[in-house]
Every structure is written in structure tokens, then in C-alpha cells.
Amino acid sequence: MRLGRAPGSENIGPGLISSGRKSPASAEPRRPATNDTIAMPIVFTPPNLANAQIVTRSLNCPAAPKIDKTSTMIPNRYAWCNPYFNSQAERYRKHFDDLYEKGIASEKEFLEKLASRREQPDIMMFWCFCRNRAGIVSQCRERGINTVFWEDGFFPHYRTLHFDPLGFCWESSLTRMIFRGVSERQRARARRAREDWLKMPPQPLPPGVKKPFVLWPLQLIGDQVNVWDLGLRDWTGLLKHFRAILPAGIQLVVKDHPVAREKDMAGLDALLPQLQNTLRVPKQTDLATLLRECVAAAGANSSVLSEARLMFKKPVYAYGRSWFTNHGELFFRLRVDAGEALPRTDWLEDPARMRSEYLEDYADWFLAQLLGRQLESRTAESDPEKLKQKIWRLSYRSFVEHGEEIFEDE
């Protein structure tokens, strides 16, 4: 039985336990003070979390009971943190009472705001990787202020919102869970979503694409995930390494990001023509067609990798951390400095070899977990109450009280 946080994550939530087990969760330790920390008396004593249970169910348990909606608080007074300027997150401010009328940039600023007025926010909402998130979360824990992390969702990307009680990306609750089985409810939910997803009509492959090929979807170099994890200035090093370990007879197809700018493509014009059996396709190329026809997908931590593995059931090779960190049987992690050969090249010869009962169940479980954390953007826009209910249900306080049950909401 494994407890604890994902490697590299900060002290922003309790360790999680695997599906099918129960284990007490403990409040995380206060992280060391930073230079912008200022003294302030604790005005609220948070509930004792020592007896809180991470509620899990075994494969043979009945369907998850519904959370009692009458005991679910609907947050209205909120504070927020956002590393981007004018991002999608700010579209939803109209649904809330923005207590401080601006995003919180640091722990020091948060403490000053708390001291400036009597009211506290019902919840602190973190969009993506806020630079001072660890300090701000720690202050929320000490004062009993609820927290939630949110970002663009996965299926479909940019048209859904993703919420998590513990963190963003590799700091999320999903990276701290261990797969031990999928319930019939989870399996049905995942397979229904996959069936709908795969209804997209195929289109012809671009000229020059030759089977078998591995798809590499390029990302934005300034994406917060890259900034906090790999810290790369361009994608040339990873592409060079992957082409070197990919069998020569398999083509590498590199697709530009739909909104890429010049800096996101730095060095590619010079590098790609030098790589053997490598083709670059334009950003307008139909992604679903490439995913349907490829033998695998590779990249850093693109959301397309999740689509490739969970929807199209293709092998995936990833260099960076993401929501799939610690789930190495589903997503193979690569490192430039590891000196390792490409794993499971037999799957590239015949992807059907990867479809064991265990991996099929694992993929269904993982997909159901992602679906349980998301809400359609149009619903968030049109139904403020449903948005607030979803936020509270997937918040830290709700997770401490109800455990994994909170991810079962349809």
C-alpha cells in the first residue's frame, strides 16, 4: 500500500490511497516560510482532519451513493489566483461575488487582503500553476478556507472545465491514486464517452504521411506545464532524442499546434529536414484522423496524449509530467538523460497487443476519473448554480469529507 504525494508535488493536500482501499488522511504540514510571508494571527482553527477517511470502493461494491446535496454549500464569495492575463477563467467571475475584485498574486498580498476586511472568501480558486500557490494554500488551510484547482478540461479541450481538490496537473489527486479495479459504473461511463468521441468522420491523410507512423503534437513553449516542469526554450532536443530511439522504419509525423506562434516553433525549420523519416504537417491537419491512423503518439505533456491513449487506445510516450504521472503502465515516461531504449516497440508493430483485460480496465478507470472532474463550458456559462455546485463538490473540503465519491458525479 502506497501513501504520499507524486514526486515533485508541493505540500498542498493529503496523500491519496488506491481505489478499493480505505485510509485516513492527515492534514499536510505547514510549508517553510518564504520571503514574502508576513506574521498574522490565526483567526480560524480548521477542523481536525486526523479522522477523515479517503472513501474508496472495491470492484464488487455497489454504485457510489449520491452526496447529500442539502449539506453541500454553494460558494458565492470567492477569491482567485491566475498566472495568465485575461484568461478563460475570468469569464466566470460574473457568477460570483469577487471578494477582493482582483486576482491574488502572492501569499503576502493574500494576508493583507484577509487583514483588510472582516469577511473571508468561501473558497479560493486556483487557475493552473499560480506561482505562490503553496503559500496561499497553506494560509487557506490554517483559516479553514476551502480551495479548488481548475483549468481547461480534456474532452473536448477548451470546451470543458477541469476541477481538482488538490492541485493542477502532476499535483492533482489523480496522480496520487492507484488503480486496483474499475467499477461497472465507471466502465460504462468511459465506454459511452469513447463511443461518442470516435464518431468523428475520418479524413484523408496529408500527402507524405506513410504508415506506420508516430504522431508528435507540438505544444506552446510558454505553456505553464512546460515552464514549471521541463523549462525548455524549444522542442528540438526532445524531437531529436525521440527520433534517435524510434525504429528507423517508423515515420515521425510532427503536427504544429493550432495557435502556435514563431517562438513555439523555434529551431524546427532547421532541425526537422535533418531527421530521418520525419514529416511536419500543418496545424490545419485533422487531428482525429492522425490519431486514428498512427501506431502511437509521443510528446511532452500535451492533452492530445491523453486523447490518444484513452480514446484511440494508442501507445503513448511522454517526456514531461502531467495528470498521468505515476500511471506508467498507461503512459510510458521517457527521459533524455536515461539512456534507455524505447519501451514496448512490439506494440508499434501491432497495437492490439496492448489491449489486455487489465489495461482495458485501467484505461476505462482513468478516463472515468477525468470525466468526473470536468464540466462543459457552456453549462458553466449558462447555469451558475450548477457551476458552483460542481466547484464545491470537487473542492478540498468536500474531498476530505467524502473521498473518491466526489468524482462519481455524472
Protein backbone atom coordinates (compact mmCIF):
# COMPACT_ATOMS: atom_id res chain seq x y z
CA MET A 1 0.00 0.00 0.00
CA ARG A 2 1.47 3.30 -1.06
CA LEU A 3 0.76 6.66 0.50
CA GLY A 4 2.12 10.08 -0.27
CA ARG A 5 2.49 12.67 -2.97
CA ALA A 6 3.61 12.49 -6.51
CA PRO A 7 7.31 13.24 -6.99
CA GLY A 8 7.87 16.97 -7.33
CA SER A 9 4.49 17.97 -5.90
CA GLU A 10 4.25 20.53 -3.14
CA ASN A 11 2.61 20.22 0.26
CA ILE A 12 -0.84 21.20 -0.89
CA GLY A 13 -3.02 18.24 0.02
CA PRO A 14 -3.23 14.89 1.78
CA GLY A 15 -1.71 11.79 0.30
CA LEU A 16 -4.15 9.55 -1.52
CA ILE A 17 -4.70 5.85 -1.49
CA SER A 18 -5.68 3.42 -4.18
CA SER A 19 -9.12 2.61 -5.47
CA GLY A 20 -10.54 -0.24 -3.44
CA ARG A 21 -8.97 0.73 -0.09
CA LYS A 22 -9.65 2.95 2.89
CA SER A 23 -7.05 5.00 4.67
CA PRO A 24 -7.04 8.01 6.99
CA ALA A 25 -5.86 11.28 5.50
CA SER A 26 -3.85 13.75 7.51
CA ALA A 27 -3.52 17.47 7.13
CA GLU A 28 -0.38 18.44 5.30
CA PRO A 29 2.47 20.11 7.20
CA ARG A 30 2.94 23.84 7.13
CA ARG A 31 5.50 24.54 4.43
CA PRO A 32 8.58 26.64 5.26
CA ALA A 33 8.07 30.40 5.30
CA THR A 34 9.16 32.31 2.22
CA ASN A 35 10.46 35.82 1.88
CA ASP A 36 7.03 37.28 1.27
CA THR A 37 5.44 35.65 4.34
CA ILE A 38 4.26 38.10 7.00
CA ALA A 39 3.05 37.33 10.51
CA MET A 40 -0.67 37.34 11.16
CA PRO A 41 -2.70 35.76 13.98
CA ILE A 42 -4.66 32.67 13.03
CA VAL A 43 -8.29 33.68 13.15
CA PHE A 44 -9.86 30.30 12.49
CA THR A 45 -8.96 26.81 13.63
CA PRO A 46 -9.58 24.29 10.83
CA PRO A 47 -11.37 21.04 11.57
CA ASN A 48 -9.27 18.12 12.78
CA LEU A 49 -8.55 16.05 9.68
CA ALA A 50 -6.87 13.21 11.53
CA ASN A 51 -10.02 11.10 11.42
CA ALA A 52 -11.01 12.00 7.87
CA GLN A 53 -11.42 8.99 5.60
CA ILE A 54 -10.46 8.67 1.96
CA VAL A 55 -13.61 6.87 0.90
CA THR A 56 -12.91 4.18 -1.68
CA ARG A 57 -14.78 1.21 -3.00
CA SER A 58 -13.74 -2.20 -4.18
CA LEU A 59 -14.71 -3.56 -7.56
CA ASN A 60 -17.58 -5.59 -6.08
CA CYS A 61 -19.15 -2.77 -4.08
CA PRO A 62 -22.47 -1.24 -5.18
CA ALA A 63 -22.59 2.04 -7.07
CA ALA A 64 -21.43 5.10 -5.19
CA PRO A 65 -24.14 6.75 -3.09
CA LYS A 66 -25.09 10.27 -4.02
CA ILE A 67 -23.63 13.04 -1.92
CA ASP A 68 -26.33 14.70 0.16
CA LYS A 69 -26.99 17.92 -1.74
CA THR A 70 -28.66 19.50 1.27
CA SER A 71 -25.32 19.51 3.08
CA THR A 72 -23.40 20.88 0.10
CA MET A 73 -22.56 24.54 0.41
CA ILE A 74 -22.88 26.70 -2.69
CA PRO A 75 -19.89 29.07 -2.73
CA ASN A 76 -20.55 32.65 -3.73
CA ARG A 77 -17.94 34.84 -2.03
CA TYR A 78 -14.62 33.85 -3.52
CA ALA A 79 -11.02 34.83 -4.16
CA TRP A 80 -8.90 33.67 -7.05
CA CYS A 81 -5.38 33.27 -8.35
CA ASN A 82 -4.40 33.13 -12.02
CA PRO A 83 -0.96 33.22 -13.69
CA TYR A 84 -2.40 34.38 -17.02
CA PHE A 85 -3.79 37.76 -18.05
CA ASN A 86 -7.36 37.81 -19.36
CA SER A 87 -7.72 34.01 -19.46
CA GLN A 88 -10.85 31.93 -19.84
CA ALA A 89 -11.15 31.66 -16.05
CA GLU A 90 -12.16 35.29 -15.78
CA ARG A 91 -15.24 34.71 -17.95
CA TYR A 92 -16.95 33.15 -14.93
CA ARG A 93 -16.32 35.95 -12.43
CA LYS A 94 -19.78 37.34 -13.17
CA HIS A 95 -21.29 34.34 -11.39
CA PHE A 96 -19.56 35.09 -8.07
CA ASP A 97 -19.01 37.82 -5.52
CA ASP A 98 -15.33 38.58 -6.17
CA LEU A 99 -14.35 39.48 -2.61
CA TYR A 100 -11.14 41.32 -3.48
CA GLU A 101 -12.06 42.35 -7.06
CA LYS A 102 -8.69 41.22 -8.40
CA GLY A 103 -6.56 38.10 -8.61
CA ILE A 104 -4.25 37.32 -5.68
CA ALA A 105 -0.61 37.29 -6.77
CA SER A 106 1.23 36.27 -3.59
CA GLU A 107 0.87 34.94 -0.07
CA LYS A 108 1.76 38.37 1.30
CA GLU A 109 -0.99 40.04 -0.71
CA PHE A 110 -3.48 37.40 0.42
CA LEU A 111 -2.65 38.01 4.08
CA GLU A 112 -3.00 41.75 3.61
CA LYS A 113 -6.42 41.26 1.98
CA LEU A 114 -7.54 38.99 4.81
CA ALA A 115 -6.49 41.61 7.35
CA SER A 116 -8.25 44.41 5.48
CA ARG A 117 -11.82 43.19 5.98
CA ARG A 118 -13.91 41.03 8.24
CA GLU A 119 -15.27 38.64 5.62
CA GLN A 120 -13.32 35.65 4.39
CA PRO A 121 -13.86 34.03 0.98
CA ASP A 122 -15.99 30.89 0.87
CA ILE A 123 -13.40 29.38 -1.44
CA MET A 124 -10.05 30.18 -3.06
CA MET A 125 -9.91 29.15 -6.73
CA PHE A 126 -6.55 28.50 -8.37
CA TRP A 127 -6.30 28.54 -12.16
CA CYS A 128 -3.39 26.47 -13.46
CA PHE A 129 0.05 26.91 -11.82
CA CYS A 130 -0.08 30.08 -9.72
CA ARG A 131 3.47 30.89 -8.69
CA ASN A 132 2.72 31.36 -4.98
CA ARG A 133 0.10 28.61 -4.71
CA ALA A 134 1.85 26.67 -1.91
CA GLY A 135 1.92 29.64 0.46
CA ILE A 136 -1.64 30.73 -0.35
CA VAL A 137 -2.98 27.19 0.07
CA SER A 138 -1.21 26.90 3.40
CA GLN A 139 -2.88 30.07 4.66
CA CYS A 140 -6.25 28.74 3.49
CA ARG A 141 -5.71 25.51 5.40
CA GLU A 142 -4.88 27.37 8.61
CA ARG A 143 -8.02 29.51 8.32
CA GLY A 144 -10.45 26.85 7.16
CA ILE A 145 -10.91 28.47 3.74
CA ASN A 146 -11.88 25.92 1.13
CA THR A 147 -9.81 25.55 -2.08
CA VAL A 148 -10.18 24.16 -5.59
CA PHE A 149 -7.95 23.99 -8.67
CA TRP A 150 -9.33 24.38 -12.16
CA GLU A 151 -8.23 24.60 -15.77
CA ASP A 152 -9.35 23.78 -19.30
CA GLY A 153 -10.81 20.29 -19.47
CA PHE A 154 -9.87 17.41 -21.76
CA PHE A 155 -12.87 16.03 -23.65
CA PRO A 156 -13.19 18.24 -25.56
CA HIS A 157 -10.25 20.51 -24.74
CA TYR A 158 -11.07 24.23 -24.40
CA ARG A 159 -14.80 23.43 -24.28
CA THR A 160 -14.84 21.92 -20.81
CA LEU A 161 -13.53 22.91 -17.38
CA HIS A 162 -11.48 20.57 -15.18
CA PHE A 163 -11.62 20.77 -11.36
CA ASP A 164 -9.50 19.06 -8.73
CA PRO A 165 -9.40 19.26 -4.91
CA LEU A 166 -5.62 19.02 -4.53
CA GLY A 167 -3.81 20.60 -7.43
CA PHE A 168 -3.16 21.12 -11.10
CA CYS A 169 -1.52 18.63 -13.47
CA TRP A 170 1.02 16.38 -11.65
CA GLU A 171 -0.02 17.91 -8.32
CA SER A 172 -3.60 16.70 -8.80
CA SER A 173 -5.44 13.98 -6.91
CA LEU A 174 -5.34 11.68 -9.93
CA THR A 175 -1.55 11.31 -9.83
CA ARG A 176 -1.82 10.12 -6.21
CA MET A 177 -4.37 7.37 -6.82
CA ILE A 178 -3.52 3.75 -7.57
CA PHE A 179 -5.60 1.67 -9.95
CA ARG A 180 -6.89 -1.60 -8.48
CA GLY A 181 -10.05 -2.12 -10.50
CA VAL A 182 -12.84 -0.41 -12.39
CA SER A 183 -16.48 -0.42 -11.31
CA GLU A 184 -19.22 -1.23 -13.80
CA ARG A 185 -20.44 2.35 -13.47
CA GLN A 186 -17.01 3.74 -14.32
CA ARG A 187 -16.59 1.34 -17.22
CA ALA A 188 -19.98 2.25 -18.70
CA ARG A 189 -19.28 5.96 -18.37
CA ALA A 190 -15.87 5.70 -20.05
CA ARG A 191 -17.05 3.50 -22.91
CA ARG A 192 -20.08 5.66 -23.59
CA ALA A 193 -17.83 8.74 -23.84
CA ARG A 194 -15.32 6.91 -26.04
CA GLU A 195 -18.01 5.65 -28.39
CA ASP A 196 -19.35 9.18 -28.87
CA TRP A 197 -15.83 10.56 -29.33
CA LEU A 198 -14.93 8.11 -32.07
CA LYS A 199 -17.94 9.06 -34.20
CA MET A 200 -15.88 11.83 -35.79
CA PRO A 201 -15.70 11.08 -39.54
CA PRO A 202 -12.24 10.22 -40.90
CA GLN A 203 -10.49 12.40 -43.45
CA PRO A 204 -7.68 11.58 -45.89
CA LEU A 205 -4.14 11.61 -44.51
CA PRO A 206 -1.96 14.52 -45.68
CA PRO A 207 0.43 13.91 -48.58
CA GLY A 208 3.71 12.41 -47.48
CA VAL A 209 2.40 10.62 -44.39
CA LYS A 210 3.43 6.97 -44.56
CA LYS A 211 2.28 4.15 -42.32
CA PRO A 212 3.42 3.12 -39.82
CA PHE A 213 3.93 6.50 -38.16
CA VAL A 214 4.08 8.00 -34.68
CA LEU A 215 2.32 11.34 -34.14
CA TRP A 216 4.03 14.15 -32.20
CA PRO A 217 1.59 17.02 -31.43
CA LEU A 218 3.57 20.17 -30.70
CA GLN A 219 2.70 22.36 -27.71
CA LEU A 220 3.13 26.01 -26.86
CA ILE A 221 6.60 26.55 -25.44
CA GLY A 222 5.27 29.08 -22.92
CA ASP A 223 2.62 26.72 -21.53
CA GLN A 224 2.73 26.76 -17.73
CA VAL A 225 3.18 22.98 -17.64
CA ASN A 226 6.38 23.28 -19.66
CA VAL A 227 7.57 26.31 -17.67
CA TRP A 228 7.18 24.50 -14.34
CA ASP A 229 8.37 21.08 -15.47
CA LEU A 230 10.76 20.85 -18.41
CA GLY A 231 11.72 24.51 -18.70
CA LEU A 232 12.64 24.14 -22.38
CA ARG A 233 13.32 27.01 -24.76
CA ASP A 234 12.32 24.94 -27.79
CA TRP A 235 11.25 21.40 -28.71
CA THR A 236 14.29 20.45 -30.78
CA GLY A 237 16.11 18.47 -28.09
CA LEU A 238 13.16 16.19 -27.34
CA LEU A 239 12.39 15.62 -31.02
CA LYS A 240 16.00 14.78 -31.75
CA HIS A 241 16.13 12.29 -28.88
CA PHE A 242 12.86 10.59 -29.78
CA ARG A 243 13.77 10.24 -33.45
CA ALA A 244 17.04 8.59 -32.39
CA ILE A 245 15.29 5.89 -30.32
CA LEU A 246 12.32 5.39 -32.67
CA PRO A 247 12.87 2.49 -35.09
CA ALA A 248 14.08 3.85 -38.44
CA GLY A 249 11.25 2.24 -40.39
CA ILE A 250 8.58 4.14 -38.47
CA GLN A 251 7.85 7.66 -39.67
CA LEU A 252 7.68 10.52 -37.17
CA VAL A 253 4.88 12.97 -38.01
CA VAL A 254 5.13 16.34 -36.26
CA LYS A 255 1.97 18.47 -36.14
CA ASP A 256 2.04 22.19 -35.37
CA HIS A 257 -0.09 23.49 -32.50
CA PRO A 258 -3.30 25.20 -33.72
CA VAL A 259 -2.36 28.58 -32.21
CA ALA A 260 1.42 28.31 -32.39
CA ARG A 261 3.48 31.47 -32.77
CA GLU A 262 7.02 31.90 -34.04
CA LYS A 263 8.64 31.28 -30.66
CA ASP A 264 6.74 27.98 -30.29
CA MET A 265 8.37 26.68 -33.48
CA ALA A 266 11.90 27.90 -32.82
CA GLY A 267 14.57 25.71 -34.41
CA LEU A 268 12.14 23.35 -36.14
CA ASP A 269 12.71 24.60 -39.68
CA ALA A 270 16.41 23.81 -39.34
CA LEU A 271 16.09 20.53 -37.42
CA LEU A 272 13.25 18.55 -38.99
CA PRO A 273 14.70 18.26 -42.52
CA GLN A 274 17.82 16.73 -40.95
CA LEU A 275 15.91 13.96 -39.15
CA GLN A 276 15.41 10.70 -40.99
CA ASN A 277 11.90 9.61 -41.94
CA THR A 278 10.31 12.69 -40.34
CA LEU A 279 7.48 14.81 -41.72
CA ARG A 280 5.92 18.03 -40.49
CA VAL A 281 2.22 18.58 -41.19
CA PRO A 282 0.35 21.90 -40.95
CA LYS A 283 -1.78 22.86 -37.98
CA GLN A 284 -4.97 22.54 -40.05
CA THR A 285 -4.44 18.78 -40.43
CA ASP A 286 -7.30 16.80 -38.91
CA LEU A 287 -6.09 15.57 -35.54
CA ALA A 288 -8.63 12.76 -35.20
CA THR A 289 -7.51 11.26 -38.50
CA LEU A 290 -3.86 11.31 -37.42
CA LEU A 291 -4.73 9.69 -34.09
CA ARG A 292 -6.87 7.04 -35.74
CA GLU A 293 -4.15 6.06 -38.24
CA CYS A 294 -0.98 6.35 -36.13
CA VAL A 295 0.62 3.44 -34.29
CA ALA A 296 1.48 5.63 -31.28
CA ALA A 297 1.68 9.21 -30.05
CA ALA A 298 4.60 10.97 -28.37
CA GLY A 299 5.32 14.38 -26.90
CA ALA A 300 5.87 16.31 -23.71
CA ASN A 301 2.63 16.64 -21.74
CA SER A 302 0.04 17.59 -24.35
CA SER A 303 -3.64 16.86 -23.72
CA VAL A 304 -3.55 15.09 -27.09
CA LEU A 305 -1.55 12.31 -25.42
CA SER A 306 -4.49 11.60 -23.12
CA GLU A 307 -6.81 11.56 -26.11
CA ALA A 308 -4.52 9.15 -27.95
CA ARG A 309 -4.29 6.68 -25.08
CA LEU A 310 -7.78 6.87 -23.59
CA MET A 311 -9.96 7.46 -26.64
CA PHE A 312 -8.00 5.92 -29.53
CA LYS A 313 -6.19 3.27 -27.43
CA LYS A 314 -2.76 4.01 -28.86
CA PRO A 315 0.58 3.62 -27.03
CA VAL A 316 1.84 6.93 -25.66
CA TYR A 317 5.38 8.10 -24.90
CA ALA A 318 5.70 11.25 -22.77
CA TYR A 319 8.73 13.24 -21.65
CA GLY A 320 7.01 15.54 -19.19
CA ARG A 321 4.84 15.15 -16.13
CA SER A 322 1.09 15.54 -16.38
CA TRP A 323 -2.17 14.21 -14.94
CA PHE A 324 -0.93 10.76 -15.95
CA THR A 325 2.22 10.95 -13.81
CA ASN A 326 2.59 7.78 -11.69
CA HIS A 327 0.44 5.83 -14.17
CA GLY A 328 3.38 4.46 -16.15
CA GLU A 329 1.61 1.35 -17.33
CA LEU A 330 -0.76 3.54 -19.35
CA PHE A 331 1.65 6.30 -20.36
CA PHE A 332 5.33 5.48 -20.87
CA ARG A 333 7.59 8.17 -19.47
CA LEU A 334 10.78 8.97 -21.38
CA ARG A 335 13.86 10.90 -20.26
CA VAL A 336 16.56 12.35 -22.45
CA ASP A 337 19.27 11.50 -19.91
CA ALA A 338 18.08 7.97 -19.14
CA GLY A 339 19.88 6.22 -22.00
CA GLU A 340 17.02 3.74 -22.37
CA ALA A 341 15.59 2.09 -25.46
CA LEU A 342 12.03 2.83 -26.49
CA PRO A 343 9.76 0.54 -24.42
CA ARG A 344 7.30 -1.90 -25.96
CA THR A 345 8.22 -1.46 -29.61
CA ASP A 346 6.22 -4.67 -30.22
CA TRP A 347 3.10 -2.56 -29.63
CA LEU A 348 4.14 -0.36 -32.56
CA GLU A 349 4.19 -3.43 -34.77
CA ASP A 350 0.71 -4.43 -33.55
CA PRO A 351 -1.15 -2.04 -31.18
CA ALA A 352 -3.67 -4.81 -30.48
CA ARG A 353 -1.04 -6.43 -28.26
CA MET A 354 -1.54 -3.71 -25.66
CA ARG A 355 -5.22 -4.48 -25.20
CA SER A 356 -5.10 -6.85 -22.28
CA GLU A 357 -8.10 -7.00 -19.96
CA TYR A 358 -6.06 -5.27 -17.25
CA LEU A 359 -5.02 -2.35 -19.46
CA GLU A 360 -8.50 -2.00 -20.94
CA ASP A 361 -9.93 -1.69 -17.43
CA TYR A 362 -7.14 0.67 -16.40
CA ALA A 363 -7.85 2.97 -19.37
CA ASP A 364 -11.59 2.95 -18.62
CA TRP A 365 -10.95 3.80 -14.98
CA PHE A 366 -8.55 6.62 -15.84
CA LEU A 367 -10.92 8.11 -18.41
CA ALA A 368 -13.82 7.94 -15.94
CA GLN A 369 -11.68 9.80 -13.42
CA LEU A 370 -11.05 12.64 -15.86
CA LEU A 371 -14.70 12.80 -16.92
CA GLY A 372 -15.79 13.00 -13.28
CA ARG A 373 -13.66 16.12 -12.81
CA GLN A 374 -14.98 18.13 -15.73
CA LEU A 375 -17.95 20.34 -16.64
CA GLU A 376 -18.96 21.66 -20.06
CA SER A 377 -18.03 25.32 -20.52
CA ARG A 378 -21.45 26.18 -21.94
CA THR A 379 -23.08 24.75 -18.81
CA ALA A 380 -20.74 26.80 -16.64
CA GLU A 381 -21.72 29.90 -18.63
CA SER A 382 -25.47 29.35 -18.59
CA ASP A 383 -26.09 27.68 -15.22
CA PRO A 384 -24.25 29.46 -12.37
CA GLU A 385 -25.76 27.21 -9.71
CA LYS A 386 -24.55 24.05 -11.42
CA LEU A 387 -21.08 25.58 -11.79
CA LYS A 388 -20.96 26.44 -8.09
CA GLN A 389 -22.22 23.01 -7.10
CA LYS A 390 -19.53 21.36 -9.23
CA ILE A 391 -16.84 23.58 -7.74
CA TRP A 392 -17.88 22.79 -4.18
CA ARG A 393 -18.29 19.10 -4.86
CA LEU A 394 -14.75 18.87 -6.24
CA SER A 395 -13.20 21.10 -3.59
CA TYR A 396 -10.68 20.17 -0.90
CA ARG A 397 -13.23 20.25 1.93
CA SER A 398 -15.64 18.03 0.02
CA PHE A 399 -12.85 15.59 -0.77
CA VAL A 400 -11.83 15.33 2.89
CA GLU A 401 -15.44 14.60 3.84
CA HIS A 402 -16.50 12.29 1.00
CA GLY A 403 -13.28 10.94 -0.55
CA GLU A 404 -13.28 9.50 -4.06
CA GLU A 405 -17.07 9.55 -4.13
CA ILE A 406 -16.89 13.16 -5.34
CA PHE A 407 -15.53 12.02 -8.72
CA GLU A 408 -18.55 9.82 -9.46
CA ASP A 409 -20.91 12.67 -10.33
CA GLU A 410 -22.42 12.44 -13.79
